[in-house]
Amino acid sequence: MREIKDSGFDWIGKTPSDWQFIKGKYVFSQRNSKGNSICLQLLSPSQKFGVVPQTLLEELTTQNVVKVKEDTDLTTFKTIHNGDFCISLRSFQGGFEYCTYEGVVSSAYQVFYPMVGICDGYYKFLFKDKSFIEKMNSYTISFRDGKNIAFSDFGDTYIPYPPIEEQKKIAEFLDAKCSEIDALVADIQAQIETLEQYKRSTIAEAVTKGLESKIELKDSTLEWIGKVPVHWEIKPNKYLMKKLKQIQPIYDGEDITSLTVNGVIKRDLDNPSGKMPTSFDGYQFVYPGNLLMCLFDIDVTPRCIGLIKDFGLTSPAYSQFVLNKGVDAAYYYYYYLNLDFNKELLHLAKNQRHSLNEEQFGAIKTVVPPFEEQVAIAKYLDERCDEINKCISAKQEQISTLEAYKKSIIFEYVTGKKEIE
């Protein structure tokens, strides 16, 4: 068994006695050239996929990325070659990104390449290790808004330089092991997506067809709904609910609430991201049992409907709706209005400001079961969704466990605490 000794660096701890430690600037050099004579394409650094073509990143993430103008001169952008590394984040969080393409990146990024013989794969794992990331983060801790990780910060940091053959063995082992873990994670994630789809279909079936399997149906005359139980009505939203706005500009200790992907939640005012508003102009009281909606920026809002469960104050960016008490159940419409087709309807009804006013929202037609059925459907969906959500949570915990295991083995092998047998 080989000898292990203290490396002298807190972020690394103990390492094999034959490992060297060299400042980053003696292993890597910064690249500052412009353009790329091999392939002049724009690349985008990302935490999950490394440095990849911008068009590919859009496909992989299924999200729009910030693009440069079509007539932009890419020869003025910074050169990056296959095998280079890139410091990609202003507030450093996800490690250095490895590039397997030829192209250029924004001058906001810092590019560097090896000057001495290394195994790229070993350093690709080292630079994504949580302990290395924490070390790099220590250079920005005094800056409230973050700062670029300067190459000089990295250059003056001692990094491991194991024997080349050992670098290769570590890289090959971690490639294989991490691929296994990633495959397991992908499989569990696919199961989660199936459960999410099942939950959406369960909600859609219940709020548009009711709970009785054998019941006469009629055409709702709404293309996006299809048939509904024959005794259900169809009415515009304005006959079911109305906007409620009770302004309270003076803060008197009420909870501040926000509408998020997790529903209507209390802000953690001790957290910088949930800090107290500087002004309460336009802030309004919200009441349990009412619906809270975000009718602004509805093109990009992932969830625009929430059910209020506690008293509090909320931003004027949100609209609060109260339903006809004893006639319409808020919890039923919370489920109904969060269906994908309703979000599409809100999108289609928006004005040029990408928002809805009360009149536009009120004109959208909605299915109206009898009140007792609304309550029964909401109760049923509470129970079914709770069961599904527990299954989803259990699988998310499995993913968290696998991700934690992956991080631990990367650290153990890139620092030499475990030896490849």
Protein backbone atom coordinates (compact mmCIF):
# COMPACT_ATOMS: atom_id res chain seq x y z
CA MET A 1 0.00 0.00 0.00
CA ARG A 2 1.48 3.36 -1.01
CA GLU A 3 2.40 6.07 1.43
CA ILE A 4 -0.07 8.93 2.03
CA LYS A 5 0.96 12.30 3.44
CA ASP A 6 -0.57 15.69 4.16
CA SER A 7 -0.48 17.80 1.01
CA GLY A 8 -0.28 21.03 2.98
CA PHE A 9 -3.39 22.38 1.21
CA ASP A 10 -6.67 22.36 3.12
CA TRP A 11 -8.88 21.91 0.06
CA ILE A 12 -6.98 18.75 -0.93
CA GLY A 13 -5.99 17.13 2.35
CA LYS A 14 -3.87 13.96 2.23
CA THR A 15 -2.44 12.69 -1.06
CA PRO A 16 0.10 10.04 -2.22
CA SER A 17 3.66 10.94 -1.27
CA ASP A 18 4.89 10.77 -4.89
CA TRP A 19 2.40 13.37 -6.17
CA GLN A 20 3.70 16.82 -7.05
CA PHE A 21 1.93 20.13 -6.49
CA ILE A 22 2.54 22.89 -9.01
CA LYS A 23 1.06 26.35 -9.39
CA GLY A 24 -1.57 26.46 -12.11
CA LYS A 25 0.38 29.01 -14.17
CA TYR A 26 3.25 26.52 -14.61
CA VAL A 27 0.92 23.86 -16.01
CA PHE A 28 -1.50 26.04 -18.01
CA SER A 29 -1.18 29.25 -19.99
CA GLN A 30 -3.84 31.79 -20.91
CA ARG A 31 -4.96 32.07 -24.53
CA ASN A 32 -5.73 35.59 -25.76
CA SER A 33 -5.76 35.19 -29.55
CA LYS A 34 -8.81 36.16 -31.63
CA GLY A 35 -10.71 34.21 -34.29
CA ASN A 36 -10.10 30.60 -35.31
CA SER A 37 -8.62 29.48 -38.63
CA ILE A 38 -9.70 25.85 -38.04
CA CYS A 39 -13.43 26.50 -37.51
CA LEU A 40 -14.99 29.90 -36.88
CA GLN A 41 -18.12 28.98 -34.93
CA LEU A 42 -19.52 30.51 -31.77
CA LEU A 43 -19.25 28.24 -28.73
CA SER A 44 -21.05 28.58 -25.41
CA PRO A 45 -19.66 27.36 -22.06
CA SER A 46 -22.19 25.54 -19.87
CA GLN A 47 -21.93 23.80 -16.51
CA LYS A 48 -23.65 20.63 -17.67
CA PHE A 49 -22.37 20.17 -21.23
CA GLY A 50 -19.00 21.91 -21.20
CA VAL A 51 -18.07 24.22 -24.09
CA VAL A 52 -20.32 23.38 -27.05
CA PRO A 53 -21.64 25.12 -30.19
CA GLN A 54 -24.34 27.61 -29.30
CA THR A 55 -26.83 25.90 -31.65
CA LEU A 56 -26.22 22.55 -29.93
CA LEU A 57 -26.63 24.08 -26.46
CA GLU A 58 -30.06 25.34 -27.48
CA GLU A 59 -31.05 21.82 -28.55
CA LEU A 60 -29.66 20.19 -25.41
CA THR A 61 -31.35 22.59 -23.00
CA THR A 62 -34.51 23.21 -25.08
CA GLN A 63 -34.17 26.83 -23.97
CA ASN A 64 -33.39 30.01 -25.82
CA VAL A 65 -29.84 31.24 -25.34
CA VAL A 66 -28.57 34.78 -25.72
CA LYS A 67 -27.47 35.11 -29.33
CA VAL A 68 -25.21 37.59 -31.08
CA LYS A 69 -26.41 39.51 -34.13
CA GLU A 70 -26.13 37.69 -37.44
CA ASP A 71 -23.67 40.23 -38.82
CA THR A 72 -21.35 40.00 -35.78
CA ASP A 73 -17.68 39.62 -36.73
CA LEU A 74 -16.65 36.38 -35.01
CA THR A 75 -12.99 37.05 -35.80
CA THR A 76 -13.03 39.56 -32.93
CA PHE A 77 -14.06 36.84 -30.44
CA LYS A 78 -11.60 34.88 -28.31
CA THR A 79 -10.04 31.73 -29.77
CA ILE A 80 -10.73 28.39 -28.11
CA HIS A 81 -9.36 25.05 -29.33
CA ASN A 82 -10.26 21.42 -28.75
CA GLY A 83 -8.59 20.51 -25.43
CA ASP A 84 -8.72 24.01 -23.95
CA PHE A 85 -10.42 24.93 -20.68
CA CYS A 86 -12.67 27.91 -20.06
CA ILE A 87 -13.54 29.94 -16.97
CA SER A 88 -17.18 30.52 -17.73
CA LEU A 89 -19.02 32.13 -14.83
CA ARG A 90 -18.99 35.60 -13.35
CA SER A 91 -19.99 34.28 -9.94
CA PHE A 92 -18.01 31.06 -10.00
CA GLN A 93 -20.15 28.04 -9.23
CA GLY A 94 -19.69 25.09 -11.54
CA GLY A 95 -16.00 24.56 -12.20
CA PHE A 96 -13.89 25.15 -15.29
CA GLU A 97 -15.43 23.92 -18.54
CA TYR A 98 -13.62 21.63 -20.97
CA CYS A 99 -13.82 22.19 -24.73
CA THR A 100 -13.94 19.43 -27.36
CA TYR A 101 -14.71 21.76 -30.30
CA GLU A 102 -12.94 24.38 -32.38
CA GLY A 103 -14.38 27.87 -32.35
CA VAL A 104 -14.56 31.17 -30.51
CA VAL A 105 -16.13 32.38 -27.27
CA SER A 106 -17.09 35.77 -25.91
CA SER A 107 -14.22 37.90 -24.66
CA ALA A 108 -15.97 37.81 -21.25
CA TYR A 109 -14.59 34.28 -20.82
CA GLN A 110 -11.02 33.30 -20.02
CA VAL A 111 -9.43 30.50 -22.02
CA PHE A 112 -6.36 28.48 -21.02
CA TYR A 113 -4.48 25.45 -22.32
CA PRO A 114 -1.85 22.99 -21.00
CA MET A 115 1.82 23.89 -21.50
CA VAL A 116 3.15 20.57 -20.21
CA GLY A 117 2.18 16.95 -20.67
CA ILE A 118 -1.09 16.17 -18.90
CA CYS A 119 -4.07 13.86 -19.23
CA ASP A 120 -6.94 16.23 -20.12
CA GLY A 121 -9.47 13.85 -18.58
CA TYR A 122 -7.85 13.98 -15.15
CA TYR A 123 -7.95 17.78 -15.03
CA LYS A 124 -11.45 17.82 -16.48
CA PHE A 125 -12.57 15.94 -13.36
CA LEU A 126 -10.33 17.92 -10.99
CA PHE A 127 -11.72 21.24 -12.22
CA LYS A 128 -15.31 20.07 -11.57
CA ASP A 129 -14.52 18.70 -8.10
CA LYS A 130 -16.49 20.34 -5.30
CA SER A 131 -13.36 21.06 -3.22
CA PHE A 132 -11.62 22.76 -6.14
CA ILE A 133 -14.75 24.82 -6.82
CA GLU A 134 -14.91 25.89 -3.17
CA LYS A 135 -11.25 26.92 -3.35
CA MET A 136 -11.91 29.04 -6.44
CA ASN A 137 -15.02 30.49 -4.83
CA SER A 138 -12.89 31.72 -1.92
CA TYR A 139 -11.38 34.29 -4.28
CA THR A 140 -14.78 35.94 -4.79
CA ILE A 141 -16.24 35.71 -1.28
CA SER A 142 -15.68 39.38 -0.44
CA PHE A 143 -17.54 40.60 -3.51
CA ARG A 144 -21.26 41.03 -2.99
CA ASP A 145 -22.13 40.70 -6.68
CA GLY A 146 -19.42 38.21 -7.52
CA LYS A 147 -16.49 38.74 -9.87
CA ASN A 148 -14.68 36.94 -12.61
CA ILE A 149 -12.31 34.24 -11.44
CA ALA A 150 -9.11 35.77 -12.82
CA PHE A 151 -6.60 33.43 -14.43
CA SER A 152 -4.06 34.93 -12.03
CA ASP A 153 -6.11 33.60 -9.08
CA PHE A 154 -6.03 30.12 -10.54
CA GLY A 155 -2.43 30.54 -11.70
CA ASP A 156 -1.18 31.14 -8.15
CA THR A 157 -3.09 28.14 -6.78
CA TYR A 158 -1.18 24.90 -6.24
CA ILE A 159 -2.86 22.00 -8.02
CA PRO A 160 -2.05 18.27 -7.99
CA TYR A 161 0.23 16.91 -10.70
CA PRO A 162 0.20 13.11 -10.35
CA PRO A 163 2.41 10.93 -12.58
CA ILE A 164 0.99 10.95 -16.12
CA GLU A 165 0.16 7.24 -16.15
CA GLU A 166 -1.79 7.65 -12.92
CA GLN A 167 -3.62 10.65 -14.36
CA LYS A 168 -4.72 8.44 -17.26
CA LYS A 169 -5.86 5.61 -14.99
CA ILE A 170 -7.88 8.00 -12.82
CA ALA A 171 -9.49 9.63 -15.86
CA GLU A 172 -10.43 6.28 -17.43
CA PHE A 173 -11.85 4.95 -14.16
CA LEU A 174 -13.90 8.10 -13.47
CA ASP A 175 -15.14 8.25 -17.07
CA ALA A 176 -16.51 4.71 -16.75
CA LYS A 177 -17.86 5.11 -13.21
CA CYS A 178 -19.48 8.49 -13.81
CA SER A 179 -21.04 7.23 -17.05
CA GLU A 180 -22.69 4.42 -15.05
CA ILE A 181 -24.00 6.90 -12.48
CA ASP A 182 -25.20 9.31 -15.19
CA ALA A 183 -27.07 6.48 -16.90
CA LEU A 184 -28.81 5.59 -13.64
CA VAL A 185 -29.69 9.24 -13.04
CA ALA A 186 -31.05 9.59 -16.59
CA ASP A 187 -33.22 6.49 -16.11
CA ILE A 188 -34.64 7.78 -12.81
CA GLN A 189 -35.19 11.21 -14.34
CA ALA A 190 -37.15 9.59 -17.16
CA GLN A 191 -39.29 7.85 -14.53
CA ILE A 192 -39.91 11.22 -12.85
CA GLU A 193 -40.96 12.75 -16.17
CA THR A 194 -43.37 9.83 -16.71
CA LEU A 195 -44.86 10.42 -13.24
CA GLU A 196 -45.17 14.14 -13.94
CA GLN A 197 -46.97 13.38 -17.20
CA TYR A 198 -49.23 10.92 -15.38
CA LYS A 199 -50.04 13.59 -12.80
CA ARG A 200 -50.89 16.11 -15.53
CA SER A 201 -53.16 13.61 -17.31
CA THR A 202 -54.84 12.65 -14.00
CA ILE A 203 -55.60 16.31 -13.30
CA ALA A 204 -56.81 16.96 -16.85
CA GLU A 205 -59.12 13.94 -16.82
CA ALA A 206 -60.64 14.83 -13.44
CA VAL A 207 -61.24 18.54 -14.05
CA THR A 208 -62.72 18.05 -17.53
CA LYS A 209 -64.55 14.70 -17.25
CA GLY A 210 -65.32 14.42 -13.53
CA LEU A 211 -64.93 11.36 -11.31
CA GLU A 212 -67.75 9.18 -12.66
CA SER A 213 -66.55 6.76 -15.33
CA LYS A 214 -70.01 6.06 -16.72
CA ILE A 215 -71.70 9.38 -17.30
CA GLU A 216 -73.31 10.98 -20.32
CA LEU A 217 -71.10 13.54 -22.05
CA LYS A 218 -71.83 16.52 -24.30
CA ASP A 219 -69.77 18.72 -26.58
CA SER A 220 -68.42 21.59 -24.52
CA THR A 221 -68.06 23.74 -27.70
CA LEU A 222 -64.56 24.46 -26.42
CA GLU A 223 -62.01 22.95 -28.81
CA TRP A 224 -59.35 22.57 -26.12
CA ILE A 225 -61.74 20.74 -23.74
CA GLY A 226 -63.78 18.45 -25.96
CA LYS A 227 -66.64 16.64 -24.22
CA VAL A 228 -67.72 17.26 -20.64
CA PRO A 229 -70.43 15.77 -18.40
CA VAL A 230 -73.83 16.71 -19.72
CA HIS A 231 -74.86 18.59 -16.57
CA TRP A 232 -71.75 20.81 -16.48
CA GLU A 233 -71.98 24.43 -17.60
CA ILE A 234 -69.63 26.59 -19.66
CA LYS A 235 -69.12 30.17 -18.46
CA PRO A 236 -66.58 32.98 -18.94
CA ASN A 237 -64.20 33.45 -15.99
CA LYS A 238 -65.80 36.80 -15.17
CA TYR A 239 -68.90 34.99 -13.89
CA LEU A 240 -66.83 32.76 -11.58
CA MET A 241 -64.33 35.11 -10.01
CA LYS A 242 -63.39 38.74 -9.72
CA LYS A 243 -60.17 40.59 -9.14
CA LEU A 244 -59.61 41.76 -5.57
CA LYS A 245 -57.17 44.52 -4.77
CA GLN A 246 -56.80 45.88 -1.25
CA ILE A 247 -53.75 48.12 -1.12
CA GLN A 248 -51.73 48.26 2.09
CA PRO A 249 -48.66 50.45 1.52
CA ILE A 250 -47.57 50.42 5.19
CA TYR A 251 -45.78 47.30 6.32
CA ASP A 252 -47.05 46.14 9.70
CA GLY A 253 -45.34 42.78 10.12
CA GLU A 254 -47.34 40.80 7.55
CA ASP A 255 -45.68 37.93 5.69
CA ILE A 256 -44.40 38.83 2.24
CA THR A 257 -45.49 36.21 -0.28
CA SER A 258 -44.43 35.36 -3.82
CA LEU A 259 -45.77 33.14 -6.58
CA THR A 260 -43.15 30.55 -7.55
CA VAL A 261 -42.94 27.18 -9.27
CA ASN A 262 -43.60 25.71 -5.81
CA GLY A 263 -46.82 27.69 -5.37
CA VAL A 264 -47.55 30.73 -3.22
CA ILE A 265 -44.81 30.77 -0.59
CA LYS A 266 -43.58 33.07 2.16
CA ARG A 267 -40.34 34.83 1.36
CA ASP A 268 -37.40 34.10 3.61
CA LEU A 269 -36.47 37.68 4.49
CA ASP A 270 -33.21 36.48 6.05
CA ASN A 271 -32.13 35.26 2.63
CA PRO A 272 -30.61 38.01 0.42
CA SER A 273 -32.74 36.87 -2.53
CA GLY A 274 -35.88 37.36 -0.41
CA LYS A 275 -34.89 40.73 1.02
CA MET A 276 -37.51 43.18 2.23
CA PRO A 277 -38.89 45.52 -0.48
CA THR A 278 -37.65 49.10 -0.22
CA SER A 279 -41.16 50.40 -0.90
CA PHE A 280 -44.62 48.96 -0.32
CA ASP A 281 -46.38 51.17 -2.88
CA GLY A 282 -49.07 49.07 -4.51
CA TYR A 283 -48.55 46.05 -2.24
CA GLN A 284 -51.82 44.31 -1.45
CA PHE A 285 -53.26 42.03 1.21
CA VAL A 286 -53.85 38.45 0.15
CA TYR A 287 -56.34 36.09 1.77
CA PRO A 288 -56.41 32.28 2.18
CA GLY A 289 -58.63 30.56 -0.36
CA ASN A 290 -58.09 33.13 -3.11
CA LEU A 291 -56.17 32.57 -6.33
CA LEU A 292 -52.96 34.46 -7.05
CA MET A 293 -52.02 34.92 -10.68
CA CYS A 294 -49.07 36.34 -12.55
CA LEU A 295 -50.55 37.83 -15.70
CA PHE A 296 -47.38 39.66 -16.71
CA ASP A 297 -44.63 38.06 -18.83
CA ILE A 298 -46.87 35.06 -19.33
CA ASP A 299 -44.65 33.88 -22.20
CA VAL A 300 -41.90 32.97 -19.75
CA THR A 301 -43.71 32.36 -16.44
CA PRO A 302 -43.50 28.60 -15.70
CA ARG A 303 -46.45 28.75 -13.32
CA CYS A 304 -48.91 31.61 -13.38
CA ILE A 305 -51.61 30.36 -10.96
CA GLY A 306 -51.27 29.69 -7.23
CA LEU A 307 -53.62 29.08 -4.32
CA ILE A 308 -53.18 31.40 -1.33
CA LYS A 309 -52.98 29.49 1.97
CA ASP A 310 -51.96 32.22 4.44
CA PHE A 311 -52.61 35.90 5.08
CA GLY A 312 -49.90 38.28 3.90
CA LEU A 313 -48.79 40.98 1.49
CA THR A 314 -47.77 40.47 -2.10
CA SER A 315 -46.23 42.43 -4.95
CA PRO A 316 -48.43 44.54 -7.26
CA ALA A 317 -47.09 42.36 -10.09
CA TYR A 318 -49.61 39.70 -9.01
CA SER A 319 -53.38 39.68 -9.40
CA GLN A 320 -55.60 38.23 -6.67
CA PHE A 321 -58.95 36.67 -7.62
CA VAL A 322 -61.77 35.75 -5.28
CA LEU A 323 -64.31 33.13 -6.39
CA ASN A 324 -68.04 33.12 -5.84
CA LYS A 325 -68.17 31.67 -2.35
CA GLY A 326 -70.31 28.55 -2.03
CA VAL A 327 -70.73 28.42 -5.81
CA ASP A 328 -67.19 27.89 -7.09
CA ALA A 329 -64.29 26.18 -5.32
CA ALA A 330 -60.89 27.87 -5.51
CA TYR A 331 -58.98 24.59 -5.21
CA TYR A 332 -60.80 23.11 -8.20
CA TYR A 333 -59.89 26.13 -10.36
CA TYR A 334 -56.35 26.08 -9.06
CA TYR A 335 -56.00 22.65 -10.67
CA TYR A 336 -58.04 23.59 -13.73
CA LEU A 337 -56.21 26.83 -14.55
CA ASN A 338 -52.79 25.18 -14.25
CA LEU A 339 -53.52 22.80 -17.11
CA ASP A 340 -51.22 23.27 -20.10
CA PHE A 341 -54.05 24.28 -22.44
CA ASN A 342 -55.13 27.05 -20.09
CA LYS A 343 -51.62 28.46 -20.07
CA GLU A 344 -51.79 28.40 -23.86
CA LEU A 345 -55.12 30.24 -23.75
CA LEU A 346 -53.61 32.89 -21.50
CA HIS A 347 -50.76 33.18 -23.97
CA LEU A 348 -53.11 33.61 -26.94
CA ALA A 349 -55.24 36.20 -25.13
CA LYS A 350 -52.30 38.39 -24.10
CA ASN A 351 -51.95 41.92 -25.36
CA GLN A 352 -48.88 43.55 -26.91
CA ARG A 353 -47.35 43.99 -23.45
CA HIS A 354 -47.34 40.19 -23.05
CA SER A 355 -49.80 40.51 -20.18
CA LEU A 356 -53.52 40.11 -19.53
CA ASN A 357 -55.94 42.58 -18.05
CA GLU A 358 -58.97 41.55 -16.02
CA GLU A 359 -61.30 41.91 -19.00
CA GLN A 360 -59.21 39.63 -21.21
CA PHE A 361 -58.91 37.01 -18.50
CA GLY A 362 -62.60 37.26 -17.70
CA ALA A 363 -63.59 36.59 -21.31
CA ILE A 364 -61.91 33.16 -21.40
CA LYS A 365 -64.53 30.42 -21.11
CA THR A 366 -64.27 27.77 -18.41
CA VAL A 367 -66.04 24.54 -17.51
CA VAL A 368 -68.25 24.79 -14.43
CA PRO A 369 -69.18 21.57 -12.58
CA PRO A 370 -71.69 21.80 -9.69
CA PHE A 371 -70.03 23.07 -6.52
CA GLU A 372 -70.20 19.70 -4.75
CA GLU A 373 -68.39 18.06 -7.67
CA GLN A 374 -65.75 20.79 -7.69
CA VAL A 375 -65.03 20.08 -4.03
CA ALA A 376 -64.97 16.29 -4.59
CA ILE A 377 -62.64 16.63 -7.60
CA ALA A 378 -60.26 18.89 -5.67
CA LYS A 379 -60.19 16.46 -2.73
CA TYR A 380 -59.56 13.52 -5.06
CA LEU A 381 -56.72 15.36 -6.82
CA ASP A 382 -55.19 16.38 -3.49
CA GLU A 383 -54.94 12.72 -2.53
CA ARG A 384 -53.79 11.42 -5.92
CA CYS A 385 -51.26 14.20 -6.47
CA ASP A 386 -49.92 13.70 -2.97
CA GLU A 387 -49.31 10.02 -3.74
CA ILE A 388 -47.62 10.83 -7.03
CA ASN A 389 -45.56 13.62 -5.49
CA LYS A 390 -44.29 11.22 -2.81
CA CYS A 391 -43.13 8.84 -5.53
CA ILE A 392 -41.44 11.72 -7.34
CA SER A 393 -39.76 12.91 -4.13
CA ALA A 394 -38.44 9.39 -3.44
CA LYS A 395 -36.91 9.25 -6.91
CA GLN A 396 -35.46 12.75 -6.54
CA GLU A 397 -33.81 11.57 -3.32
CA GLN A 398 -32.31 8.66 -5.26
CA ILE A 399 -30.88 11.13 -7.75
CA SER A 400 -29.49 13.29 -4.94
CA THR A 401 -27.84 10.23 -3.39
CA LEU A 402 -26.29 9.23 -6.71
CA GLU A 403 -25.08 12.78 -7.39
CA ALA A 404 -23.53 12.96 -3.91
CA TYR A 405 -21.83 9.60 -4.48
CA LYS A 406 -20.51 10.81 -7.83
CA LYS A 407 -19.02 13.92 -6.21
CA SER A 408 -17.43 11.87 -3.45
CA ILE A 409 -15.71 9.40 -5.77
CA ILE A 410 -14.41 12.21 -7.98
CA PHE A 411 -12.86 13.88 -4.93
CA GLU A 412 -11.43 10.63 -3.57
CA TYR A 413 -9.72 9.69 -6.83
CA VAL A 414 -8.56 13.09 -8.14
CA THR A 415 -6.86 13.70 -4.77
CA GLY A 416 -5.40 10.19 -4.63
CA LYS A 417 -7.19 9.12 -1.46
CA LYS A 418 -8.29 6.03 -3.31
CA GLU A 419 -6.02 4.13 -5.68
CA ILE A 420 -7.08 2.50 -8.94
CA GLU A 421 -6.62 -1.23 -8.42
